[in-house]
Each structure stands twice: as C-alpha cells, then as structure tokens.
Amino acid sequence: MSIVIAYSPDIYGRAALEHGLAEALLRQTTLVVVNVTRGDSLVDSHYAHEDEVQQVLDRLDAAGVDAKVRRDVVPDIADAVLSVAEEEDATLIVVGVRHRSPVGKMLLGSVAQRVILDARCPVLAVKPS
C-alpha cells in the first residue's frame, strides 16, 4: 500500500508533495510520485526536469520516506494517475488544486477534478499556502 502524489514542478505540485510526505510519515507508508506529460508540446511546464526529480527524491529520502517516481508520456494525465493508484494499491491520492474561472472550468478539463471523481480511494485535494 502507498500514497500516490500527482506532481508537477510548480506551487501546486509542491503543495501536494509536502502534504503527501506528511501523510506518508503519519501512516508509515511509501510514496509514489507521478509526474507525466501528454507530450503534445515541445516544452511541458508540468513535466519535471531530471534535476528536479532528483531533488524531490533527495527531499523524500532525507525525510526517511521510501519513495519512487513514475514518469512517462501518456495520452491522459488523470487516467495515468488513477492507473498508478490502482497498480500501487494506493490508500490515498494527493493532488494540488488551483482556482479556475467558470469559463475555464467549461472549456478545459481538470486533472484534479477527474481524479477526485474517479478514484477508488480517498483523495486529498490541497492548495498552496
């Protein structure tokens, strides 16, 4: 059993990481950090560079948490997070959420919203301080 974190290299992903780390320490379980991209652009600001992935792993290791990172190019980010949660028998998924306007909600899908609605385990939705 593990905790899955939907991670992106921004304030929302870092908030999810910190809350997921706290939960992993509390529950004494492993962390699986999911950082994926659709690969539909040359540069995806949500896909972490190898240096940042190593910093994340170093941070988790220093905290004494067993962790791994899952990275890939996928057709659907929410589906990828949910699939990893199933594969890893997750007891919790942690996602960072951002404010979206009503028009933004209508035009653009939300990874966090889909994860919250479709997950088979509890989901902790967090926002940055």
C-alpha atoms as a PDB file:
ATOM      1  CA  MET A   1       0.000   0.000   0.000  1.00  0.00           C
ATOM      2  CA  SER A   2       1.159   3.513  -0.750  1.00  0.00           C
ATOM      3  CA  ILE A   3       0.240   7.140  -1.190  1.00  0.00           C
ATOM      4  CA  VAL A   4       0.227   8.495  -4.745  1.00  0.00           C
ATOM      5  CA  ILE A   5       1.085  12.132  -5.393  1.00  0.00           C
ATOM      6  CA  ALA A   6       0.112  13.842  -8.649  1.00  0.00           C
ATOM      7  CA  TYR A   7       3.202  16.030  -9.020  1.00  0.00           C
ATOM      8  CA  SER A   8       4.054  18.983 -11.204  1.00  0.00           C
ATOM      9  CA  PRO A   9       7.069  21.280 -10.728  1.00  0.00           C
ATOM     10  CA  ASP A  10       5.056  24.288  -9.553  1.00  0.00           C
ATOM     11  CA  ILE A  11       3.486  25.572  -6.350  1.00  0.00           C
ATOM     12  CA  TYR A  12       0.539  23.186  -6.715  1.00  0.00           C
ATOM     13  CA  GLY A  13       2.717  20.131  -7.164  1.00  0.00           C
ATOM     14  CA  ARG A  14       4.979  21.153  -4.310  1.00  0.00           C
ATOM     15  CA  ALA A  15       1.928  21.603  -2.043  1.00  0.00           C
ATOM     16  CA  ALA A  16       0.780  18.090  -2.986  1.00  0.00           C
ATOM     17  CA  LEU A  17       4.284  16.767  -2.311  1.00  0.00           C
ATOM     18  CA  GLU A  18       4.505  18.333   1.157  1.00  0.00           C
ATOM     19  CA  HIS A  19       1.048  17.116   2.194  1.00  0.00           C
ATOM     20  CA  GLY A  20       1.723  13.667   0.754  1.00  0.00           C
ATOM     21  CA  LEU A  21       5.012  13.499   2.643  1.00  0.00           C
ATOM     22  CA  ALA A  22       3.263  14.408   5.899  1.00  0.00           C
ATOM     23  CA  GLU A  23       0.658  11.699   5.298  1.00  0.00           C
ATOM     24  CA  ALA A  24       3.320   9.108   4.461  1.00  0.00           C
ATOM     25  CA  LEU A  25       5.174   9.878   7.684  1.00  0.00           C
ATOM     26  CA  LEU A  26       1.935   9.716   9.683  1.00  0.00           C
ATOM     27  CA  ARG A  27       0.816   6.447   8.072  1.00  0.00           C
ATOM     28  CA  GLN A  28       4.331   4.992   7.781  1.00  0.00           C
ATOM     29  CA  THR A  29       3.861   4.058   4.153  1.00  0.00           C
ATOM     30  CA  THR A  30       5.615   4.531   0.826  1.00  0.00           C
ATOM     31  CA  LEU A  31       5.144   7.381  -1.633  1.00  0.00           C
ATOM     32  CA  VAL A  32       4.733   7.130  -5.377  1.00  0.00           C
ATOM     33  CA  VAL A  33       5.239  10.466  -7.120  1.00  0.00           C
ATOM     34  CA  VAL A  34       3.549  10.589 -10.527  1.00  0.00           C
ATOM     35  CA  ASN A  35       4.863  13.162 -12.994  1.00  0.00           C
ATOM     36  CA  VAL A  36       3.580  12.569 -16.517  1.00  0.00           C
ATOM     37  CA  THR A  37       3.052  14.531 -19.709  1.00  0.00           C
ATOM     38  CA  ARG A  38       0.873  14.134 -22.772  1.00  0.00           C
ATOM     39  CA  GLY A  39       3.884  15.039 -24.891  1.00  0.00           C
ATOM     40  CA  ASP A  40       1.780  17.233 -27.160  1.00  0.00           C
ATOM     41  CA  SER A  41       4.151  20.189 -26.935  1.00  0.00           C
ATOM     42  CA  LEU A  42       7.908  20.596 -27.099  1.00  0.00           C
ATOM     43  CA  VAL A  43       8.019  22.020 -23.575  1.00  0.00           C
ATOM     44  CA  ASP A  44       5.550  20.969 -20.871  1.00  0.00           C
ATOM     45  CA  SER A  45       5.902  23.113 -17.755  1.00  0.00           C
ATOM     46  CA  HIS A  46       4.151  20.399 -15.728  1.00  0.00           C
ATOM     47  CA  TYR A  47       6.782  17.778 -16.591  1.00  0.00           C
ATOM     48  CA  ALA A  48       9.724  17.945 -14.198  1.00  0.00           C
ATOM     49  CA  HIS A  49      13.297  18.029 -15.422  1.00  0.00           C
ATOM     50  CA  GLU A  50      15.562  15.184 -14.199  1.00  0.00           C
ATOM     51  CA  ASP A  51      17.331  17.582 -11.816  1.00  0.00           C
ATOM     52  CA  GLU A  52      14.068  18.473 -10.095  1.00  0.00           C
ATOM     53  CA  VAL A  53      13.038  14.812  -9.907  1.00  0.00           C
ATOM     54  CA  GLN A  54      16.326  14.076  -8.150  1.00  0.00           C
ATOM     55  CA  GLN A  55      15.721  16.960  -5.740  1.00  0.00           C
ATOM     56  CA  VAL A  56      12.287  15.504  -4.932  1.00  0.00           C
ATOM     57  CA  LEU A  57      13.779  12.074  -4.294  1.00  0.00           C
ATOM     58  CA  ASP A  58      16.540  13.596  -2.136  1.00  0.00           C
ATOM     59  CA  ARG A  59      13.923  15.524  -0.118  1.00  0.00           C
ATOM     60  CA  LEU A  60      11.871  12.382   0.492  1.00  0.00           C
ATOM     61  CA  ASP A  61      14.950  10.324   1.322  1.00  0.00           C
ATOM     62  CA  ALA A  62      16.115  12.950   3.840  1.00  0.00           C
ATOM     63  CA  ALA A  63      12.687  12.730   5.481  1.00  0.00           C
ATOM     64  CA  GLY A  64      13.109   8.969   5.797  1.00  0.00           C
ATOM     65  CA  VAL A  65      10.312   8.002   3.413  1.00  0.00           C
ATOM     66  CA  ASP A  66      10.562   5.162   0.921  1.00  0.00           C
ATOM     67  CA  ALA A  67       9.606   6.731  -2.415  1.00  0.00           C
ATOM     68  CA  LYS A  68       9.737   6.276  -6.148  1.00  0.00           C
ATOM     69  CA  VAL A  69       8.875   8.452  -9.123  1.00  0.00           C
ATOM     70  CA  ARG A  70       6.798   7.326 -12.080  1.00  0.00           C
ATOM     71  CA  ARG A  71       7.342   9.398 -15.245  1.00  0.00           C
ATOM     72  CA  ASP A  72       6.021   8.767 -18.707  1.00  0.00           C
ATOM     73  CA  VAL A  73       4.390  10.197 -21.807  1.00  0.00           C
ATOM     74  CA  VAL A  74       0.703   9.293 -21.619  1.00  0.00           C
ATOM     75  CA  PRO A  75      -2.456  10.052 -23.587  1.00  0.00           C
ATOM     76  CA  ASP A  76      -4.357  11.228 -20.485  1.00  0.00           C
ATOM     77  CA  ILE A  77      -2.828  12.562 -17.271  1.00  0.00           C
ATOM     78  CA  ALA A  78      -5.771  11.858 -14.961  1.00  0.00           C
ATOM     79  CA  ASP A  79      -6.015   8.293 -16.270  1.00  0.00           C
ATOM     80  CA  ALA A  80      -2.289   7.833 -15.648  1.00  0.00           C
ATOM     81  CA  VAL A  81      -2.574   8.990 -12.018  1.00  0.00           C
ATOM     82  CA  LEU A  82      -5.582   6.724 -11.468  1.00  0.00           C
ATOM     83  CA  SER A  83      -3.826   3.756 -13.101  1.00  0.00           C
ATOM     84  CA  VAL A  84      -0.752   4.168 -10.904  1.00  0.00           C
ATOM     85  CA  ALA A  85      -3.018   4.375  -7.853  1.00  0.00           C
ATOM     86  CA  GLU A  86      -4.625   1.073  -8.846  1.00  0.00           C
ATOM     87  CA  GLU A  87      -1.288  -0.611  -9.619  1.00  0.00           C
ATOM     88  CA  GLU A  88       0.255   0.550  -6.353  1.00  0.00           C
ATOM     89  CA  ASP A  89      -2.831  -0.287  -4.251  1.00  0.00           C
ATOM     90  CA  ALA A  90      -2.929   3.320  -3.050  1.00  0.00           C
ATOM     91  CA  THR A  91      -4.665   4.189   0.181  1.00  0.00           C
ATOM     92  CA  LEU A  92      -4.648   7.892  -0.730  1.00  0.00           C
ATOM     93  CA  ILE A  93      -4.057  10.147  -3.726  1.00  0.00           C
ATOM     94  CA  VAL A  94      -2.842  13.713  -3.142  1.00  0.00           C
ATOM     95  CA  VAL A  95      -3.449  16.389  -5.794  1.00  0.00           C
ATOM     96  CA  GLY A  96      -2.790  20.108  -5.869  1.00  0.00           C
ATOM     97  CA  VAL A  97      -5.722  22.241  -6.951  1.00  0.00           C
ATOM     98  CA  ARG A  98      -5.837  25.684  -8.479  1.00  0.00           C
ATOM     99  CA  HIS A  99      -8.636  28.198  -8.842  1.00  0.00           C
ATOM    100  CA  ARG A 100     -10.270  28.179 -12.253  1.00  0.00           C
ATOM    101  CA  SER A 101     -12.824  30.605 -13.615  1.00  0.00           C
ATOM    102  CA  PRO A 102     -16.271  29.327 -14.614  1.00  0.00           C
ATOM    103  CA  VAL A 103     -15.295  29.667 -18.294  1.00  0.00           C
ATOM    104  CA  GLY A 104     -12.031  27.802 -17.646  1.00  0.00           C
ATOM    105  CA  LYS A 105     -13.981  25.005 -15.998  1.00  0.00           C
ATOM    106  CA  MET A 106     -16.274  24.766 -19.002  1.00  0.00           C
ATOM    107  CA  LEU A 107     -13.579  24.849 -21.676  1.00  0.00           C
ATOM    108  CA  LEU A 108     -10.751  22.942 -20.031  1.00  0.00           C
ATOM    109  CA  GLY A 109     -10.899  19.669 -18.167  1.00  0.00           C
ATOM    110  CA  SER A 110      -9.328  19.451 -14.752  1.00  0.00           C
ATOM    111  CA  VAL A 111      -6.964  16.618 -13.909  1.00  0.00           C
ATOM    112  CA  ALA A 112      -7.635  17.129 -10.201  1.00  0.00           C
ATOM    113  CA  GLN A 113     -11.405  17.082 -10.696  1.00  0.00           C
ATOM    114  CA  ARG A 114     -11.280  13.850 -12.681  1.00  0.00           C
ATOM    115  CA  VAL A 115      -9.003  12.210 -10.125  1.00  0.00           C
ATOM    116  CA  ILE A 116     -11.291  13.286  -7.275  1.00  0.00           C
ATOM    117  CA  LEU A 117     -14.395  11.973  -9.012  1.00  0.00           C
ATOM    118  CA  ASP A 118     -12.987   8.731 -10.436  1.00  0.00           C
ATOM    119  CA  ALA A 119     -10.555   7.491  -7.768  1.00  0.00           C
ATOM    120  CA  ARG A 120     -11.335   4.285  -5.915  1.00  0.00           C
ATOM    121  CA  CYS A 121      -9.521   5.501  -2.801  1.00  0.00           C
ATOM    122  CA  PRO A 122      -9.725   8.759  -0.855  1.00  0.00           C
ATOM    123  CA  VAL A 123      -8.262  11.859  -2.489  1.00  0.00           C
ATOM    124  CA  LEU A 124      -6.706  14.743  -0.583  1.00  0.00           C
ATOM    125  CA  ALA A 125      -7.016  17.962  -2.587  1.00  0.00           C
ATOM    126  CA  VAL A 126      -4.611  20.662  -1.371  1.00  0.00           C
ATOM    127  CA  LYS A 127      -3.785  24.193  -2.372  1.00  0.00           C
ATOM    128  CA  PRO A 128      -0.642  26.209  -1.754  1.00  0.00           C
ATOM    129  CA  SER A 129      -0.444  28.423   1.327  1.00  0.00           C
END
